[in-house]
């Protein structure tokens, strides 16, 4: 009877943790959508590998959502095959998340370089393409920045060699600063360091959510393995 009671407890713990995973999946889906919208507003990256992090978060969220539902059914019905499949899939997701975290740390400098290259490329095509004009103007107003590393970057861009800058570089409440820009009337700091600071701030939030989910995943794997052992041993856990 003691083992039976223990298996009942494990069964409901697996069911409870799967409900938590289900909620985590929804949270990741929402986080991925919000991050994708945020990055789209920040800068339109041509380099897919540099802008795909929110999409990866969204995909992982959807996968966890369905795996959690699968695990709930397996735990409730005490189906050995379903619980085993759930444990294997959850372990794979756990390993993928660890790999993604390591890859993110290794390639963080490449992401910064990709952002810098994109900003400079958009600057070079300013005035020749209205899309780049609008994107950069929105970016510079949103972050109160100017140029890639600083407002003087514009002096090397075709159309601004007379040492002028776009109107979007002007500080608030300052008009017609573009023809004679100075540190007093334009946003002096470049957009690349501003975007980098923005990303670091939001990565902390994403990392915290990921760590919390990883902790629950590890517990879920352990409880699922215990339930598998109980079902295979033929104990009644109903």
C-alpha atoms as a PDB file:
ATOM      1  CA  UNK A   1       0.000   0.000   0.000  1.00  0.00           C
ATOM      2  CA  UNK A   2       2.904   2.350   0.709  1.00  0.00           C
ATOM      3  CA  UNK A   3       4.198   2.027  -2.856  1.00  0.00           C
ATOM      4  CA  UNK A   4       0.674   2.506  -4.203  1.00  0.00           C
ATOM      5  CA  UNK A   5       0.296   5.757  -2.281  1.00  0.00           C
ATOM      6  CA  UNK A   6       3.693   6.903  -3.463  1.00  0.00           C
ATOM      7  CA  UNK A   7       2.805   6.199  -7.097  1.00  0.00           C
ATOM      8  CA  UNK A   8      -0.440   8.128  -6.695  1.00  0.00           C
ATOM      9  CA  UNK A   9       1.563  11.105  -5.461  1.00  0.00           C
ATOM     10  CA  UNK A  10       4.015  10.830  -8.371  1.00  0.00           C
ATOM     11  CA  UNK A  11       1.148  10.566 -10.845  1.00  0.00           C
ATOM     12  CA  UNK A  12      -0.463  13.774  -9.665  1.00  0.00           C
ATOM     13  CA  UNK A  13       2.916  15.520  -9.445  1.00  0.00           C
ATOM     14  CA  UNK A  14       3.582  14.635 -13.099  1.00  0.00           C
ATOM     15  CA  UNK A  15       0.115  15.926 -13.985  1.00  0.00           C
ATOM     16  CA  UNK A  16       0.717  19.118 -11.971  1.00  0.00           C
ATOM     17  CA  UNK A  17       4.134  19.793 -13.542  1.00  0.00           C
ATOM     18  CA  UNK A  18       2.687  19.218 -16.990  1.00  0.00           C
ATOM     19  CA  UNK A  19       0.076  21.846 -16.249  1.00  0.00           C
ATOM     20  CA  UNK A  20       2.951  24.171 -15.270  1.00  0.00           C
ATOM     21  CA  UNK A  21       4.721  23.306 -18.562  1.00  0.00           C
ATOM     22  CA  UNK A  22       1.530  24.060 -20.433  1.00  0.00           C
ATOM     23  CA  UNK A  23       1.433  27.510 -18.845  1.00  0.00           C
ATOM     24  CA  UNK A  24       5.173  27.936 -19.568  1.00  0.00           C
ATOM     25  CA  UNK A  25       4.518  27.069 -23.209  1.00  0.00           C
ATOM     26  CA  UNK A  26       1.888  29.800 -23.396  1.00  0.00           C
ATOM     27  CA  UNK A  27       4.306  32.212 -21.670  1.00  0.00           C
ATOM     28  CA  UNK A  28       7.044  31.430 -24.211  1.00  0.00           C
ATOM     29  CA  UNK A  29       4.631  31.898 -27.113  1.00  0.00           C
ATOM     30  CA  UNK A  30       3.629  35.320 -25.761  1.00  0.00           C
ATOM     31  CA  UNK A  31       7.273  36.193 -25.034  1.00  0.00           C
ATOM     32  CA  UNK A  32       8.324  35.174 -28.541  1.00  0.00           C
ATOM     33  CA  UNK A  33       5.583  37.273 -30.159  1.00  0.00           C
ATOM     34  CA  UNK A  34       6.399  40.319 -27.996  1.00  0.00           C
ATOM     35  CA  UNK A  35      10.146  39.956 -28.651  1.00  0.00           C
ATOM     36  CA  UNK A  36       9.587  39.588 -32.402  1.00  0.00           C
ATOM     37  CA  UNK A  37       7.411  42.721 -32.487  1.00  0.00           C
ATOM     38  CA  UNK A  38       9.981  44.561 -30.361  1.00  0.00           C
ATOM     39  CA  UNK A  39      12.902  43.603 -32.603  1.00  0.00           C
ATOM     40  CA  UNK A  40      10.881  44.459 -35.710  1.00  0.00           C
ATOM     41  CA  UNK A  41      10.353  47.943 -34.295  1.00  0.00           C
ATOM     42  CA  UNK A  42      14.019  48.217 -33.335  1.00  0.00           C
ATOM     43  CA  UNK A  43      15.633  47.182 -36.627  1.00  0.00           C
ATOM     44  CA  UNK A  44      14.817  45.085 -39.671  1.00  0.00           C
ATOM     45  CA  UNK A  45      17.649  42.574 -39.819  1.00  0.00           C
ATOM     46  CA  UNK A  46      18.522  41.000 -43.139  1.00  0.00           C
ATOM     47  CA  UNK A  47      20.660  38.432 -41.361  1.00  0.00           C
ATOM     48  CA  UNK A  48      18.100  35.795 -40.334  1.00  0.00           C
ATOM     49  CA  UNK A  49      20.476  34.114 -37.856  1.00  0.00           C
ATOM     50  CA  UNK A  50      20.751  37.386 -35.945  1.00  0.00           C
ATOM     51  CA  UNK A  51      17.021  38.098 -35.734  1.00  0.00           C
ATOM     52  CA  UNK A  52      15.712  34.538 -35.342  1.00  0.00           C
ATOM     53  CA  UNK A  53      15.951  34.281 -31.529  1.00  0.00           C
ATOM     54  CA  UNK A  54      12.314  35.370 -30.938  1.00  0.00           C
ATOM     55  CA  UNK A  55      11.160  32.885 -33.591  1.00  0.00           C
ATOM     56  CA  UNK A  56      13.106  30.098 -31.832  1.00  0.00           C
ATOM     57  CA  UNK A  57      11.472  31.068 -28.508  1.00  0.00           C
ATOM     58  CA  UNK A  58       8.058  30.995 -30.199  1.00  0.00           C
ATOM     59  CA  UNK A  59       8.676  27.550 -31.740  1.00  0.00           C
ATOM     60  CA  UNK A  60       9.964  26.115 -28.427  1.00  0.00           C
ATOM     61  CA  UNK A  61       6.859  27.524 -26.713  1.00  0.00           C
ATOM     62  CA  UNK A  62       4.541  25.794 -29.187  1.00  0.00           C
ATOM     63  CA  UNK A  63       6.454  22.487 -28.833  1.00  0.00           C
ATOM     64  CA  UNK A  64       6.350  22.641 -25.008  1.00  0.00           C
ATOM     65  CA  UNK A  65       2.623  23.458 -25.180  1.00  0.00           C
ATOM     66  CA  UNK A  66       1.871  20.244 -27.106  1.00  0.00           C
ATOM     67  CA  UNK A  67       4.369  18.079 -25.183  1.00  0.00           C
ATOM     68  CA  UNK A  68       2.780  19.180 -21.892  1.00  0.00           C
ATOM     69  CA  UNK A  69      -0.688  18.249 -23.173  1.00  0.00           C
ATOM     70  CA  UNK A  70       0.707  14.875 -24.284  1.00  0.00           C
ATOM     71  CA  UNK A  71       2.288  14.343 -20.846  1.00  0.00           C
ATOM     72  CA  UNK A  72      -0.941  15.205 -19.015  1.00  0.00           C
ATOM     73  CA  UNK A  73      -2.846  12.588 -21.007  1.00  0.00           C
ATOM     74  CA  UNK A  74      -0.128   9.977 -20.416  1.00  0.00           C
ATOM     75  CA  UNK A  75      -0.029  10.618 -16.659  1.00  0.00           C
ATOM     76  CA  UNK A  76      -3.803  10.630 -16.248  1.00  0.00           C
ATOM     77  CA  UNK A  77      -4.316   7.436 -18.286  1.00  0.00           C
ATOM     78  CA  UNK A  78      -1.147   5.831 -16.853  1.00  0.00           C
ATOM     79  CA  UNK A  79      -0.019   4.957 -20.362  1.00  0.00           C
ATOM     80  CA  UNK A  80       3.594   3.751 -20.240  1.00  0.00           C
ATOM     81  CA  UNK A  81       4.259   4.532 -23.905  1.00  0.00           C
ATOM     82  CA  UNK A  82       2.908   8.093 -23.646  1.00  0.00           C
ATOM     83  CA  UNK A  83       4.789   8.842 -20.403  1.00  0.00           C
ATOM     84  CA  UNK A  84       8.022   7.434 -21.886  1.00  0.00           C
ATOM     85  CA  UNK A  85       7.605   9.509 -25.055  1.00  0.00           C
ATOM     86  CA  UNK A  86       6.911  12.571 -22.925  1.00  0.00           C
ATOM     87  CA  UNK A  87      10.076  12.005 -20.847  1.00  0.00           C
ATOM     88  CA  UNK A  88      12.220  11.559 -23.972  1.00  0.00           C
ATOM     89  CA  UNK A  89      10.800  14.655 -25.704  1.00  0.00           C
ATOM     90  CA  UNK A  90      11.164  16.754 -22.551  1.00  0.00           C
ATOM     91  CA  UNK A  91      14.787  15.622 -22.183  1.00  0.00           C
ATOM     92  CA  UNK A  92      15.472  16.610 -25.809  1.00  0.00           C
ATOM     93  CA  UNK A  93      13.898  20.044 -25.247  1.00  0.00           C
ATOM     94  CA  UNK A  94      16.003  20.466 -22.103  1.00  0.00           C
ATOM     95  CA  UNK A  95      19.191  19.632 -24.038  1.00  0.00           C
ATOM     96  CA  UNK A  96      18.200  21.964 -26.909  1.00  0.00           C
ATOM     97  CA  UNK A  97      17.681  24.829 -24.443  1.00  0.00           C
ATOM     98  CA  UNK A  98      21.124  24.242 -22.923  1.00  0.00           C
ATOM     99  CA  UNK A  99      22.647  24.174 -26.424  1.00  0.00           C
ATOM    100  CA  UNK A 100      20.799  27.371 -27.399  1.00  0.00           C
ATOM    101  CA  UNK A 101      22.064  29.132 -24.260  1.00  0.00           C
ATOM    102  CA  UNK A 102      25.664  28.095 -25.012  1.00  0.00           C
ATOM    103  CA  UNK A 103      25.328  29.129 -28.677  1.00  0.00           C
ATOM    104  CA  UNK A 104      23.843  32.489 -27.663  1.00  0.00           C
ATOM    105  CA  UNK A 105      26.808  33.162 -25.380  1.00  0.00           C
ATOM    106  CA  UNK A 106      29.355  32.102 -28.015  1.00  0.00           C
ATOM    107  CA  UNK A 107      27.811  34.121 -30.851  1.00  0.00           C
ATOM    108  CA  UNK A 108      26.837  37.238 -28.890  1.00  0.00           C
ATOM    109  CA  UNK A 109      29.668  39.261 -30.482  1.00  0.00           C
ATOM    110  CA  UNK A 110      28.535  38.201 -33.940  1.00  0.00           C
ATOM    111  CA  UNK A 111      25.041  39.481 -33.200  1.00  0.00           C
ATOM    112  CA  UNK A 112      26.480  42.863 -32.221  1.00  0.00           C
ATOM    113  CA  UNK A 113      28.563  42.935 -35.417  1.00  0.00           C
ATOM    114  CA  UNK A 114      25.504  42.019 -37.509  1.00  0.00           C
ATOM    115  CA  UNK A 115      23.509  44.897 -35.985  1.00  0.00           C
ATOM    116  CA  UNK A 116      26.382  47.326 -36.629  1.00  0.00           C
ATOM    117  CA  UNK A 117      26.719  46.163 -40.251  1.00  0.00           C
ATOM    118  CA  UNK A 118      22.967  46.487 -40.794  1.00  0.00           C
ATOM    119  CA  UNK A 119      22.830  50.037 -39.409  1.00  0.00           C
ATOM    120  CA  UNK A 120      25.781  51.115 -41.544  1.00  0.00           C
ATOM    121  CA  UNK A 121      24.273  49.453 -44.613  1.00  0.00           C
ATOM    122  CA  UNK A 122      20.959  51.257 -44.068  1.00  0.00           C
ATOM    123  CA  UNK A 123      22.811  54.531 -43.586  1.00  0.00           C
ATOM    124  CA  UNK A 124      24.632  54.043 -46.896  1.00  0.00           C
ATOM    125  CA  UNK A 125      21.284  53.616 -48.680  1.00  0.00           C
ATOM    126  CA  UNK A 126      19.596  56.541 -46.947  1.00  0.00           C
ATOM    127  CA  UNK A 127      17.874  58.931 -49.394  1.00  0.00           C
ATOM    128  CA  UNK A 128      18.100  56.307 -52.146  1.00  0.00           C
ATOM    129  CA  UNK A 129      15.425  54.067 -50.609  1.00  0.00           C
ATOM    130  CA  UNK A 130      12.431  55.404 -48.660  1.00  0.00           C
ATOM    131  CA  UNK A 131      12.143  52.136 -46.715  1.00  0.00           C
ATOM    132  CA  UNK A 132      15.601  52.575 -45.208  1.00  0.00           C
ATOM    133  CA  UNK A 133      14.811  56.238 -44.542  1.00  0.00           C
ATOM    134  CA  UNK A 134      11.706  55.345 -42.526  1.00  0.00           C
ATOM    135  CA  UNK A 135      13.396  52.469 -40.661  1.00  0.00           C
ATOM    136  CA  UNK A 136      16.372  54.570 -39.586  1.00  0.00           C
ATOM    137  CA  UNK A 137      14.242  57.555 -38.669  1.00  0.00           C
ATOM    138  CA  UNK A 138      12.030  55.373 -36.456  1.00  0.00           C
ATOM    139  CA  UNK A 139      15.123  53.751 -34.928  1.00  0.00           C
ATOM    140  CA  UNK A 140      16.890  57.033 -34.196  1.00  0.00           C
ATOM    141  CA  UNK A 141      13.787  58.601 -32.652  1.00  0.00           C
ATOM    142  CA  UNK A 142      12.934  55.498 -30.615  1.00  0.00           C
ATOM    143  CA  UNK A 143      16.392  55.246 -29.043  1.00  0.00           C
ATOM    144  CA  UNK A 144      17.315  58.935 -29.144  1.00  0.00           C
ATOM    145  CA  UNK A 145      20.463  58.037 -31.078  1.00  0.00           C
ATOM    146  CA  UNK A 146      22.239  59.123 -34.247  1.00  0.00           C
ATOM    147  CA  UNK A 147      24.434  57.108 -36.620  1.00  0.00           C
ATOM    148  CA  UNK A 148      26.088  53.792 -35.818  1.00  0.00           C
ATOM    149  CA  UNK A 149      28.710  54.779 -33.221  1.00  0.00           C
ATOM    150  CA  UNK A 150      27.870  58.512 -33.108  1.00  0.00           C
ATOM    151  CA  UNK A 151      26.306  61.359 -35.072  1.00  0.00           C
ATOM    152  CA  UNK A 152      29.564  62.065 -36.954  1.00  0.00           C
ATOM    153  CA  UNK A 153      29.151  58.749 -38.793  1.00  0.00           C
ATOM    154  CA  UNK A 154      26.695  60.556 -41.060  1.00  0.00           C
ATOM    155  CA  UNK A 155      29.448  62.876 -42.335  1.00  0.00           C
ATOM    156  CA  UNK A 156      30.854  59.948 -44.382  1.00  0.00           C
ATOM    157  CA  UNK A 157      27.506  59.061 -45.970  1.00  0.00           C
ATOM    158  CA  UNK A 158      26.586  60.235 -49.461  1.00  0.00           C
ATOM    159  CA  UNK A 159      24.224  63.175 -49.200  1.00  0.00           C
ATOM    160  CA  UNK A 160      25.558  64.241 -45.803  1.00  0.00           C
ATOM    161  CA  UNK A 161      29.178  65.025 -46.647  1.00  0.00           C
ATOM    162  CA  UNK A 162      28.416  68.681 -45.940  1.00  0.00           C
ATOM    163  CA  UNK A 163      28.448  67.596 -42.256  1.00  0.00           C
ATOM    164  CA  UNK A 164      24.692  67.407 -41.890  1.00  0.00           C
ATOM    165  CA  UNK A 165      22.490  64.717 -40.341  1.00  0.00           C
ATOM    166  CA  UNK A 166      18.864  63.529 -40.789  1.00  0.00           C
ATOM    167  CA  UNK A 167      16.217  65.502 -38.837  1.00  0.00           C
ATOM    168  CA  UNK A 168      15.510  62.359 -36.782  1.00  0.00           C
ATOM    169  CA  UNK A 169      18.865  62.920 -35.044  1.00  0.00           C
ATOM    170  CA  UNK A 170      17.650  66.150 -33.448  1.00  0.00           C
ATOM    171  CA  UNK A 171      17.012  66.222 -29.719  1.00  0.00           C
ATOM    172  CA  UNK A 172      13.489  66.800 -28.484  1.00  0.00           C
ATOM    173  CA  UNK A 173      12.257  70.382 -28.743  1.00  0.00           C
ATOM    174  CA  UNK A 174      15.110  71.192 -31.135  1.00  0.00           C
ATOM    175  CA  UNK A 175      14.213  72.188 -34.694  1.00  0.00           C
ATOM    176  CA  UNK A 176      16.391  72.481 -37.778  1.00  0.00           C
ATOM    177  CA  UNK A 177      19.517  70.986 -36.231  1.00  0.00           C
ATOM    178  CA  UNK A 178      20.275  68.779 -39.233  1.00  0.00           C
ATOM    179  CA  UNK A 179      22.238  71.435 -41.161  1.00  0.00           C
ATOM    180  CA  UNK A 180      24.533  72.391 -38.292  1.00  0.00           C
ATOM    181  CA  UNK A 181      24.688  69.426 -35.899  1.00  0.00           C
ATOM    182  CA  UNK A 182      26.548  69.719 -32.607  1.00  0.00           C
ATOM    183  CA  UNK A 183      26.690  67.695 -29.409  1.00  0.00           C
ATOM    184  CA  UNK A 184      24.213  70.164 -27.911  1.00  0.00           C
ATOM    185  CA  UNK A 185      21.401  69.935 -30.469  1.00  0.00           C
ATOM    186  CA  UNK A 186      21.585  66.301 -31.721  1.00  0.00           C
ATOM    187  CA  UNK A 187      21.581  62.923 -30.003  1.00  0.00           C
ATOM    188  CA  UNK A 188      25.299  62.335 -29.647  1.00  0.00           C
ATOM    189  CA  UNK A 189      25.314  58.590 -28.877  1.00  0.00           C
ATOM    190  CA  UNK A 190      25.209  56.029 -31.697  1.00  0.00           C
ATOM    191  CA  UNK A 191      22.383  53.557 -32.248  1.00  0.00           C
ATOM    192  CA  UNK A 192      24.497  50.377 -32.020  1.00  0.00           C
ATOM    193  CA  UNK A 193      25.430  50.803 -28.322  1.00  0.00           C
ATOM    194  CA  UNK A 194      21.836  51.848 -27.553  1.00  0.00           C
ATOM    195  CA  UNK A 195      20.428  48.726 -29.224  1.00  0.00           C
ATOM    196  CA  UNK A 196      23.043  46.558 -27.491  1.00  0.00           C
ATOM    197  CA  UNK A 197      22.002  47.950 -24.093  1.00  0.00           C
ATOM    198  CA  UNK A 198      18.336  47.330 -24.968  1.00  0.00           C
ATOM    199  CA  UNK A 199      19.081  43.721 -25.934  1.00  0.00           C
ATOM    200  CA  UNK A 200      21.090  43.061 -22.747  1.00  0.00           C
ATOM    201  CA  UNK A 201      18.230  44.373 -20.627  1.00  0.00           C
ATOM    202  CA  UNK A 202      15.681  42.101 -22.283  1.00  0.00           C
ATOM    203  CA  UNK A 203      17.997  39.079 -22.458  1.00  0.00           C
ATOM    204  CA  UNK A 204      18.098  39.078 -18.645  1.00  0.00           C
ATOM    205  CA  UNK A 205      14.299  38.677 -18.621  1.00  0.00           C
ATOM    206  CA  UNK A 206      14.419  35.894 -21.218  1.00  0.00           C
ATOM    207  CA  UNK A 207      17.241  34.130 -19.319  1.00  0.00           C
ATOM    208  CA  UNK A 208      15.262  34.261 -16.068  1.00  0.00           C
ATOM    209  CA  UNK A 209      12.179  32.746 -17.712  1.00  0.00           C
ATOM    210  CA  UNK A 210      14.313  30.070 -19.414  1.00  0.00           C
ATOM    211  CA  UNK A 211      16.014  29.092 -16.133  1.00  0.00           C
ATOM    212  CA  UNK A 212      12.659  28.777 -14.391  1.00  0.00           C
ATOM    213  CA  UNK A 213      11.278  26.592 -17.163  1.00  0.00           C
ATOM    214  CA  UNK A 214      14.451  24.456 -17.237  1.00  0.00           C
ATOM    215  CA  UNK A 215      14.125  23.823 -13.484  1.00  0.00           C
ATOM    216  CA  UNK A 216      10.528  22.609 -13.857  1.00  0.00           C
ATOM    217  CA  UNK A 217      11.525  20.527 -16.890  1.00  0.00           C
ATOM    218  CA  UNK A 218      14.204  18.744 -14.857  1.00  0.00           C
ATOM    219  CA  UNK A 219      11.727  17.950 -12.087  1.00  0.00           C
ATOM    220  CA  UNK A 220       9.219  16.815 -14.695  1.00  0.00           C
ATOM    221  CA  UNK A 221      11.746  14.422 -16.225  1.00  0.00           C
ATOM    222  CA  UNK A 222      12.551  12.931 -12.803  1.00  0.00           C
ATOM    223  CA  UNK A 223       8.883  12.441 -11.850  1.00  0.00           C
ATOM    224  CA  UNK A 224       8.051  11.038 -15.293  1.00  0.00           C
ATOM    225  CA  UNK A 225      10.826   8.444 -14.916  1.00  0.00           C
ATOM    226  CA  UNK A 226       9.466   7.500 -11.475  1.00  0.00           C
ATOM    227  CA  UNK A 227       5.962   7.112 -12.908  1.00  0.00           C
ATOM    228  CA  UNK A 228       7.329   5.014 -15.790  1.00  0.00           C
ATOM    229  CA  UNK A 229       8.987   2.703 -13.279  1.00  0.00           C
ATOM    230  CA  UNK A 230       5.761   2.393 -11.290  1.00  0.00           C
ATOM    231  CA  UNK A 231       3.617   1.637 -14.345  1.00  0.00           C
ATOM    232  CA  UNK A 232       6.122  -0.883 -15.684  1.00  0.00           C
ATOM    233  CA  UNK A 233       6.277  -2.646 -12.330  1.00  0.00           C
ATOM    234  CA  UNK A 234       2.518  -3.192 -12.599  1.00  0.00           C
ATOM    235  CA  UNK A 235       1.487  -1.190  -9.548  1.00  0.00           C
ATOM    236  CA  UNK A 236      -2.028   0.174  -9.494  1.00  0.00           C
ATOM    237  CA  UNK A 237      -1.841   3.942  -9.234  1.00  0.00           C
ATOM    238  CA  UNK A 238      -5.467   4.764  -9.778  1.00  0.00           C
END
